[in-house]
């Protein structure tokens, strides 16, 4: 059985971090993406505390190659929510 996976951009704060915590509370594997790795680490701590499994990835969504690399490096089975 695979774990449900969600990839969240802008996960370093605001609504992105809040959405990550909601999914984490349901036990989802959360791929946290954003430009500031420091902010993402804070969200990753909150995701872990809520019961999720965080994966942190620095990403600028304006860079198509970065997006592709992030998807191939972090999505091992399926991506359920983007």
PDB file of N, CA and C in Angstrom:
ATOM      1  N   UNK A   1       0.845  -1.181   0.000  1.00  0.00           N
ATOM      2  CA  UNK A   1       0.000   0.000   0.000  1.00  0.00           C
ATOM      3  C   UNK A   1       0.883   1.234   0.000  1.00  0.00           C
ATOM      4  N   UNK A   2       0.611   2.165  -0.879  1.00  0.00           N
ATOM      5  CA  UNK A   2       1.420   3.375  -0.950  1.00  0.00           C
ATOM      6  C   UNK A   2       0.829   4.458  -0.073  1.00  0.00           C
ATOM      7  N   UNK A   3       1.680   5.378   0.322  1.00  0.00           N
ATOM      8  CA  UNK A   3       1.250   6.530   1.099  1.00  0.00           C
ATOM      9  C   UNK A   3       0.782   7.613   0.139  1.00  0.00           C
ATOM     10  N   UNK A   4      -0.301   8.283   0.497  1.00  0.00           N
ATOM     11  CA  UNK A   4      -0.758   9.405  -0.319  1.00  0.00           C
ATOM     12  C   UNK A   4       0.275  10.515  -0.265  1.00  0.00           C
ATOM     13  N   UNK A   5       0.533  11.141  -1.408  1.00  0.00           N
ATOM     14  CA  UNK A   5       1.540  12.185  -1.515  1.00  0.00           C
ATOM     15  C   UNK A   5       0.931  13.462  -2.069  1.00  0.00           C
ATOM     16  N   UNK A   6       1.268  14.575  -1.406  1.00  0.00           N
ATOM     17  CA  UNK A   6       0.852  15.896  -1.858  1.00  0.00           C
ATOM     18  C   UNK A   6       2.102  16.741  -2.048  1.00  0.00           C
ATOM     19  N   UNK A   7       2.166  17.504  -3.130  1.00  0.00           N
ATOM     20  CA  UNK A   7       3.261  18.443  -3.366  1.00  0.00           C
ATOM     21  C   UNK A   7       2.674  19.844  -3.225  1.00  0.00           C
ATOM     22  N   UNK A   8       3.272  20.635  -2.339  1.00  0.00           N
ATOM     23  CA  UNK A   8       2.766  21.967  -2.050  1.00  0.00           C
ATOM     24  C   UNK A   8       3.838  22.999  -2.367  1.00  0.00           C
ATOM     25  N   UNK A   9       3.524  23.922  -3.271  1.00  0.00           N
ATOM     26  CA  UNK A   9       4.428  25.027  -3.539  1.00  0.00           C
ATOM     27  C   UNK A   9       4.069  26.171  -2.600  1.00  0.00           C
ATOM     28  N   UNK A  10       5.031  27.007  -2.291  1.00  0.00           N
ATOM     29  CA  UNK A  10       4.790  28.098  -1.355  1.00  0.00           C
ATOM     30  C   UNK A  10       4.583  27.591   0.061  1.00  0.00           C
ATOM     31  N   UNK A  11       5.192  26.453   0.373  1.00  0.00           N
ATOM     32  CA  UNK A  11       4.976  25.793   1.661  1.00  0.00           C
ATOM     33  C   UNK A  11       5.782  26.411   2.801  1.00  0.00           C
ATOM     34  N   UNK A  12       6.564  27.439   2.515  1.00  0.00           N
ATOM     35  CA  UNK A  12       7.393  28.054   3.539  1.00  0.00           C
ATOM     36  C   UNK A  12       6.644  28.940   4.506  1.00  0.00           C
ATOM     37  N   UNK A  13       5.391  29.228   4.230  1.00  0.00           N
ATOM     38  CA  UNK A  13       4.617  30.074   5.131  1.00  0.00           C
ATOM     39  C   UNK A  13       3.221  30.298   4.609  1.00  0.00           C
ATOM     40  N   UNK A  14       2.445  31.056   5.356  1.00  0.00           N
ATOM     41  CA  UNK A  14       1.101  31.427   4.936  1.00  0.00           C
ATOM     42  C   UNK A  14       0.207  30.245   4.656  1.00  0.00           C
ATOM     43  N   UNK A  15      -0.597  30.370   3.592  1.00  0.00           N
ATOM     44  CA  UNK A  15      -1.575  29.322   3.281  1.00  0.00           C
ATOM     45  C   UNK A  15      -0.908  28.015   2.866  1.00  0.00           C
ATOM     46  N   UNK A  16       0.271  28.086   2.231  1.00  0.00           N
ATOM     47  CA  UNK A  16       0.972  26.858   1.847  1.00  0.00           C
ATOM     48  C   UNK A  16       1.359  26.027   3.058  1.00  0.00           C
ATOM     49  N   UNK A  17       1.862  26.683   4.097  1.00  0.00           N
ATOM     50  CA  UNK A  17       2.230  25.976   5.330  1.00  0.00           C
ATOM     51  C   UNK A  17       0.988  25.430   6.026  1.00  0.00           C
ATOM     52  N   UNK A  18      -0.085  26.209   6.015  1.00  0.00           N
ATOM     53  CA  UNK A  18      -1.330  25.770   6.660  1.00  0.00           C
ATOM     54  C   UNK A  18      -1.904  24.536   5.952  1.00  0.00           C
ATOM     55  N   UNK A  19      -1.877  24.543   4.627  1.00  0.00           N
ATOM     56  CA  UNK A  19      -2.366  23.396   3.854  1.00  0.00           C
ATOM     57  C   UNK A  19      -1.506  22.164   4.153  1.00  0.00           C
ATOM     58  N   UNK A  20      -0.202  22.356   4.242  1.00  0.00           N
ATOM     59  CA  UNK A  20       0.699  21.243   4.550  1.00  0.00           C
ATOM     60  C   UNK A  20       0.355  20.610   5.889  1.00  0.00           C
ATOM     61  N   UNK A  21       0.065  21.431   6.876  1.00  0.00           N
ATOM     62  CA  UNK A  21      -0.273  20.905   8.201  1.00  0.00           C
ATOM     63  C   UNK A  21      -1.593  20.130   8.183  1.00  0.00           C
ATOM     64  N   UNK A  22      -2.549  20.575   7.386  1.00  0.00           N
ATOM     65  CA  UNK A  22      -3.821  19.855   7.282  1.00  0.00           C
ATOM     66  C   UNK A  22      -3.598  18.469   6.688  1.00  0.00           C
ATOM     67  N   UNK A  23      -2.862  18.399   5.586  1.00  0.00           N
ATOM     68  CA  UNK A  23      -2.570  17.097   4.974  1.00  0.00           C
ATOM     69  C   UNK A  23      -1.762  16.222   5.933  1.00  0.00           C
ATOM     70  N   UNK A  24      -0.825  16.820   6.627  1.00  0.00           N
ATOM     71  CA  UNK A  24      -0.004  16.071   7.574  1.00  0.00           C
ATOM     72  C   UNK A  24      -0.850  15.453   8.668  1.00  0.00           C
ATOM     73  N   UNK A  25      -1.856  16.183   9.112  1.00  0.00           N
ATOM     74  CA  UNK A  25      -2.749  15.671  10.138  1.00  0.00           C
ATOM     75  C   UNK A  25      -3.494  14.421   9.711  1.00  0.00           C
ATOM     76  N   UNK A  26      -3.590  14.232   8.401  1.00  0.00           N
ATOM     77  CA  UNK A  26      -4.218  13.038   7.842  1.00  0.00           C
ATOM     78  C   UNK A  26      -3.187  11.953   7.508  1.00  0.00           C
ATOM     79  N   UNK A  27      -1.912  12.218   7.840  1.00  0.00           N
ATOM     80  CA  UNK A  27      -0.861  11.228   7.629  1.00  0.00           C
ATOM     81  C   UNK A  27      -0.236  11.210   6.246  1.00  0.00           C
ATOM     82  N   UNK A  28      -0.447  12.255   5.476  1.00  0.00           N
ATOM     83  CA  UNK A  28       0.084  12.305   4.113  1.00  0.00           C
ATOM     84  C   UNK A  28       1.587  12.536   4.108  1.00  0.00           C
ATOM     85  N   UNK A  29       2.239  12.050   3.076  1.00  0.00           N
ATOM     86  CA  UNK A  29       3.629  12.399   2.764  1.00  0.00           C
ATOM     87  C   UNK A  29       3.545  13.745   2.054  1.00  0.00           C
ATOM     88  N   UNK A  30       4.195  14.760   2.598  1.00  0.00           N
ATOM     89  CA  UNK A  30       4.095  16.101   2.045  1.00  0.00           C
ATOM     90  C   UNK A  30       5.430  16.542   1.469  1.00  0.00           C
ATOM     91  N   UNK A  31       5.423  16.895   0.191  1.00  0.00           N
ATOM     92  CA  UNK A  31       6.598  17.444  -0.469  1.00  0.00           C
ATOM     93  C   UNK A  31       6.447  18.956  -0.377  1.00  0.00           C
ATOM     94  N   UNK A  32       7.304  19.559   0.425  1.00  0.00           N
ATOM     95  CA  UNK A  32       7.238  20.986   0.719  1.00  0.00           C
ATOM     96  C   UNK A  32       8.193  21.737  -0.193  1.00  0.00           C
ATOM     97  N   UNK A  33       7.666  22.597  -1.043  1.00  0.00           N
ATOM     98  CA  UNK A  33       8.481  23.335  -1.999  1.00  0.00           C
ATOM     99  C   UNK A  33       8.340  24.836  -1.777  1.00  0.00           C
ATOM    100  N   UNK A  34       9.440  25.524  -1.970  1.00  0.00           N
ATOM    101  CA  UNK A  34       9.457  26.969  -1.864  1.00  0.00           C
ATOM    102  C   UNK A  34      10.868  27.474  -2.090  1.00  0.00           C
ATOM    103  N   UNK A  35      11.005  28.772  -2.142  1.00  0.00           N
ATOM    104  CA  UNK A  35      12.319  29.346  -2.443  1.00  0.00           C
ATOM    105  C   UNK A  35      13.243  29.399  -1.245  1.00  0.00           C
ATOM    106  N   UNK A  36      12.702  29.443  -0.017  1.00  0.00           N
ATOM    107  CA  UNK A  36      13.525  29.563   1.176  1.00  0.00           C
ATOM    108  C   UNK A  36      13.568  28.250   1.946  1.00  0.00           C
ATOM    109  N   UNK A  37      14.710  27.595   1.906  1.00  0.00           N
ATOM    110  CA  UNK A  37      14.836  26.322   2.608  1.00  0.00           C
ATOM    111  C   UNK A  37      14.655  26.492   4.117  1.00  0.00           C
ATOM    112  N   UNK A  38      15.085  27.630   4.653  1.00  0.00           N
ATOM    113  CA  UNK A  38      14.927  27.880   6.086  1.00  0.00           C
ATOM    114  C   UNK A  38      13.443  27.901   6.467  1.00  0.00           C
ATOM    115  N   UNK A  39      12.622  28.584   5.690  1.00  0.00           N
ATOM    116  CA  UNK A  39      11.179  28.612   5.944  1.00  0.00           C
ATOM    117  C   UNK A  39      10.563  27.225   5.788  1.00  0.00           C
ATOM    118  N   UNK A  40      11.041  26.476   4.819  1.00  0.00           N
ATOM    119  CA  UNK A  40      10.524  25.133   4.600  1.00  0.00           C
ATOM    120  C   UNK A  40      10.836  24.223   5.780  1.00  0.00           C
ATOM    121  N   UNK A  41      11.993  24.400   6.383  1.00  0.00           N
ATOM    122  CA  UNK A  41      12.356  23.567   7.539  1.00  0.00           C
ATOM    123  C   UNK A  41      11.397  23.799   8.697  1.00  0.00           C
ATOM    124  N   UNK A  42      10.969  25.035   8.874  1.00  0.00           N
ATOM    125  CA  UNK A  42      10.000  25.344   9.918  1.00  0.00           C
ATOM    126  C   UNK A  42       8.677  24.627   9.644  1.00  0.00           C
ATOM    127  N   UNK A  43       8.239  24.653   8.411  1.00  0.00           N
ATOM    128  CA  UNK A  43       7.009  23.946   8.034  1.00  0.00           C
ATOM    129  C   UNK A  43       7.198  22.448   8.191  1.00  0.00           C
ATOM    130  N   UNK A  44       8.367  21.935   7.845  1.00  0.00           N
ATOM    131  CA  UNK A  44       8.636  20.496   7.981  1.00  0.00           C
ATOM    132  C   UNK A  44       8.513  20.057   9.439  1.00  0.00           C
ATOM    133  N   UNK A  45       8.984  20.883  10.354  1.00  0.00           N
ATOM    134  CA  UNK A  45       8.844  20.562  11.777  1.00  0.00           C
ATOM    135  C   UNK A  45       7.369  20.470  12.161  1.00  0.00           C
ATOM    136  N   UNK A  46       6.562  21.404  11.680  1.00  0.00           N
ATOM    137  CA  UNK A  46       5.130  21.407  11.979  1.00  0.00           C
ATOM    138  C   UNK A  46       4.433  20.195  11.348  1.00  0.00           C
ATOM    139  N   UNK A  47       4.847  19.838  10.135  1.00  0.00           N
ATOM    140  CA  UNK A  47       4.278  18.672   9.454  1.00  0.00           C
ATOM    141  C   UNK A  47       4.598  17.401  10.236  1.00  0.00           C
ATOM    142  N   UNK A  48       5.821  17.266  10.678  1.00  0.00           N
ATOM    143  CA  UNK A  48       6.205  16.090  11.477  1.00  0.00           C
ATOM    144  C   UNK A  48       5.398  16.016  12.765  1.00  0.00           C
ATOM    145  N   UNK A  49       5.256  17.153  13.424  1.00  0.00           N
ATOM    146  CA  UNK A  49       4.501  17.196  14.681  1.00  0.00           C
ATOM    147  C   UNK A  49       3.035  16.829  14.471  1.00  0.00           C
ATOM    148  N   UNK A  50       2.510  17.129  13.273  1.00  0.00           N
ATOM    149  CA  UNK A  50       1.113  16.831  12.973  1.00  0.00           C
ATOM    150  C   UNK A  50       0.901  15.396  12.504  1.00  0.00           C
ATOM    151  N   UNK A  51       1.993  14.647  12.313  1.00  0.00           N
ATOM    152  CA  UNK A  51       1.876  13.247  11.920  1.00  0.00           C
ATOM    153  C   UNK A  51       2.174  12.944  10.476  1.00  0.00           C
ATOM    154  N   UNK A  52       2.600  13.945   9.707  1.00  0.00           N
ATOM    155  CA  UNK A  52       2.923  13.724   8.302  1.00  0.00           C
ATOM    156  C   UNK A  52       4.390  13.401   8.114  1.00  0.00           C
ATOM    157  N   UNK A  53       4.732  13.064   6.886  1.00  0.00           N
ATOM    158  CA  UNK A  53       6.121  12.785   6.523  1.00  0.00           C
ATOM    159  C   UNK A  53       6.569  13.866   5.546  1.00  0.00           C
ATOM    160  N   UNK A  54       7.408  14.819   6.016  1.00  0.00           N
ATOM    161  CA  UNK A  54       7.811  15.917   5.132  1.00  0.00           C
ATOM    162  C   UNK A  54       9.023  15.583   4.270  1.00  0.00           C
ATOM    163  N   UNK A  55       9.010  16.107   3.065  1.00  0.00           N
ATOM    164  CA  UNK A  55      10.157  16.091   2.168  1.00  0.00           C
ATOM    165  C   UNK A  55      10.363  17.547   1.762  1.00  0.00           C
ATOM    166  N   UNK A  56      11.538  18.094   2.027  1.00  0.00           N
ATOM    167  CA  UNK A  56      11.803  19.504   1.761  1.00  0.00           C
ATOM    168  C   UNK A  56      12.598  19.652   0.470  1.00  0.00           C
ATOM    169  N   UNK A  57      12.132  20.566  -0.374  1.00  0.00           N
ATOM    170  CA  UNK A  57      12.821  20.793  -1.644  1.00  0.00           C
ATOM    171  C   UNK A  57      12.765  22.275  -2.005  1.00  0.00           C
ATOM    172  N   UNK A  58      13.928  22.899  -2.071  1.00  0.00           N
ATOM    173  CA  UNK A  58      14.008  24.282  -2.524  1.00  0.00           C
ATOM    174  C   UNK A  58      13.648  24.311  -4.007  1.00  0.00           C
ATOM    175  N   UNK A  59      12.743  25.232  -4.377  1.00  0.00           N
ATOM    176  CA  UNK A  59      12.229  25.234  -5.740  1.00  0.00           C
ATOM    177  C   UNK A  59      11.731  26.622  -6.124  1.00  0.00           C
ATOM    178  N   UNK A  60      12.085  27.039  -7.316  1.00  0.00           N
ATOM    179  CA  UNK A  60      11.521  28.238  -7.924  1.00  0.00           C
ATOM    180  C   UNK A  60      10.634  27.748  -9.066  1.00  0.00           C
ATOM    181  N   UNK A  61       9.319  27.862  -8.912  1.00  0.00           N
ATOM    182  CA  UNK A  61       8.393  27.305  -9.898  1.00  0.00           C
ATOM    183  C   UNK A  61       8.486  27.989 -11.258  1.00  0.00           C
ATOM    184  N   UNK A  62       9.185  29.108 -11.339  1.00  0.00           N
ATOM    185  CA  UNK A  62       9.368  29.778 -12.633  1.00  0.00           C
ATOM    186  C   UNK A  62      10.402  29.073 -13.501  1.00  0.00           C
ATOM    187  N   UNK A  63      11.164  28.145 -12.905  1.00  0.00           N
ATOM    188  CA  UNK A  63      12.217  27.430 -13.624  1.00  0.00           C
ATOM    189  C   UNK A  63      11.720  26.018 -13.968  1.00  0.00           C
ATOM    190  N   UNK A  64      11.375  25.820 -15.226  1.00  0.00           N
ATOM    191  CA  UNK A  64      10.809  24.546 -15.678  1.00  0.00           C
ATOM    192  C   UNK A  64      11.716  23.357 -15.367  1.00  0.00           C
ATOM    193  N   UNK A  65      13.020  23.524 -15.523  1.00  0.00           N
ATOM    194  CA  UNK A  65      13.948  22.435 -15.232  1.00  0.00           C
ATOM    195  C   UNK A  65      13.942  22.079 -13.748  1.00  0.00           C
ATOM    196  N   UNK A  66      13.867  23.086 -12.874  1.00  0.00           N
ATOM    197  CA  UNK A  66      13.799  22.836 -11.433  1.00  0.00           C
ATOM    198  C   UNK A  66      12.527  22.072 -11.076  1.00  0.00           C
ATOM    199  N   UNK A  67      11.428  22.442 -11.706  1.00  0.00           N
ATOM    200  CA  UNK A  67      10.161  21.758 -11.439  1.00  0.00           C
ATOM    201  C   UNK A  67      10.274  20.298 -11.849  1.00  0.00           C
ATOM    202  N   UNK A  68      10.784  20.044 -13.042  1.00  0.00           N
ATOM    203  CA  UNK A  68      10.951  18.672 -13.517  1.00  0.00           C
ATOM    204  C   UNK A  68      11.874  17.882 -12.586  1.00  0.00           C
ATOM    205  N   UNK A  69      13.003  18.469 -12.219  1.00  0.00           N
ATOM    206  CA  UNK A  69      13.944  17.791 -11.324  1.00  0.00           C
ATOM    207  C   UNK A  69      13.309  17.477  -9.973  1.00  0.00           C
ATOM    208  N   UNK A  70      12.527  18.405  -9.462  1.00  0.00           N
ATOM    209  CA  UNK A  70      11.857  18.195  -8.179  1.00  0.00           C
ATOM    210  C   UNK A  70      10.866  17.044  -8.271  1.00  0.00           C
ATOM    211  N   UNK A  71      10.093  17.020  -9.331  1.00  0.00           N
ATOM    212  CA  UNK A  71       9.130  15.936  -9.494  1.00  0.00           C
ATOM    213  C   UNK A  71       9.814  14.578  -9.592  1.00  0.00           C
ATOM    214  N   UNK A  72      10.853  14.486 -10.391  1.00  0.00           N
ATOM    215  CA  UNK A  72      11.515  13.192 -10.563  1.00  0.00           C
ATOM    216  C   UNK A  72      12.283  12.762  -9.308  1.00  0.00           C
ATOM    217  N   UNK A  73      12.754  13.727  -8.534  1.00  0.00           N
ATOM    218  CA  UNK A  73      13.529  13.391  -7.333  1.00  0.00           C
ATOM    219  C   UNK A  73      12.655  13.077  -6.122  1.00  0.00           C
ATOM    220  N   UNK A  74      11.444  13.581  -6.087  1.00  0.00           N
ATOM    221  CA  UNK A  74      10.642  13.445  -4.869  1.00  0.00           C
ATOM    222  C   UNK A  74       9.425  12.552  -5.012  1.00  0.00           C
ATOM    223  N   UNK A  75       8.954  12.321  -6.209  1.00  0.00           N
ATOM    224  CA  UNK A  75       7.765  11.503  -6.391  1.00  0.00           C
ATOM    225  C   UNK A  75       8.196  10.106  -6.804  1.00  0.00           C
ATOM    226  N   UNK A  76       8.152   9.194  -5.839  1.00  0.00           N
ATOM    227  CA  UNK A  76       8.657   7.841  -6.076  1.00  0.00           C
ATOM    228  C   UNK A  76       7.574   6.881  -6.568  1.00  0.00           C
ATOM    229  N   UNK A  77       6.325   7.175  -6.280  1.00  0.00           N
ATOM    230  CA  UNK A  77       5.240   6.284  -6.686  1.00  0.00           C
ATOM    231  C   UNK A  77       4.200   7.090  -7.459  1.00  0.00           C
ATOM    232  N   UNK A  78       3.307   7.733  -6.740  1.00  0.00           N
ATOM    233  CA  UNK A  78       2.300   8.569  -7.387  1.00  0.00           C
ATOM    234  C   UNK A  78       2.201   9.917  -6.692  1.00  0.00           C
ATOM    235  N   UNK A  79       1.733  10.890  -7.423  1.00  0.00           N
ATOM    236  CA  UNK A  79       1.439  12.206  -6.860  1.00  0.00           C
ATOM    237  C   UNK A  79      -0.079  12.314  -6.837  1.00  0.00           C
ATOM    238  N   UNK A  80      -0.630  12.397  -5.639  1.00  0.00           N
ATOM    239  CA  UNK A  80      -2.093  12.385  -5.485  1.00  0.00           C
ATOM    240  C   UNK A  80      -2.697  13.778  -5.547  1.00  0.00           C
ATOM    241  N   UNK A  81      -1.964  14.788  -5.044  1.00  0.00           N
ATOM    242  CA  UNK A  81      -2.471  16.157  -5.032  1.00  0.00           C
ATOM    243  C   UNK A  81      -1.309  17.101  -5.310  1.00  0.00           C
ATOM    244  N   UNK A  82      -1.556  18.100  -6.142  1.00  0.00           N
ATOM    245  CA  UNK A  82      -0.553  19.133  -6.435  1.00  0.00           C
ATOM    246  C   UNK A  82      -1.163  20.472  -6.099  1.00  0.00           C
TER     247      UNK A  82
END
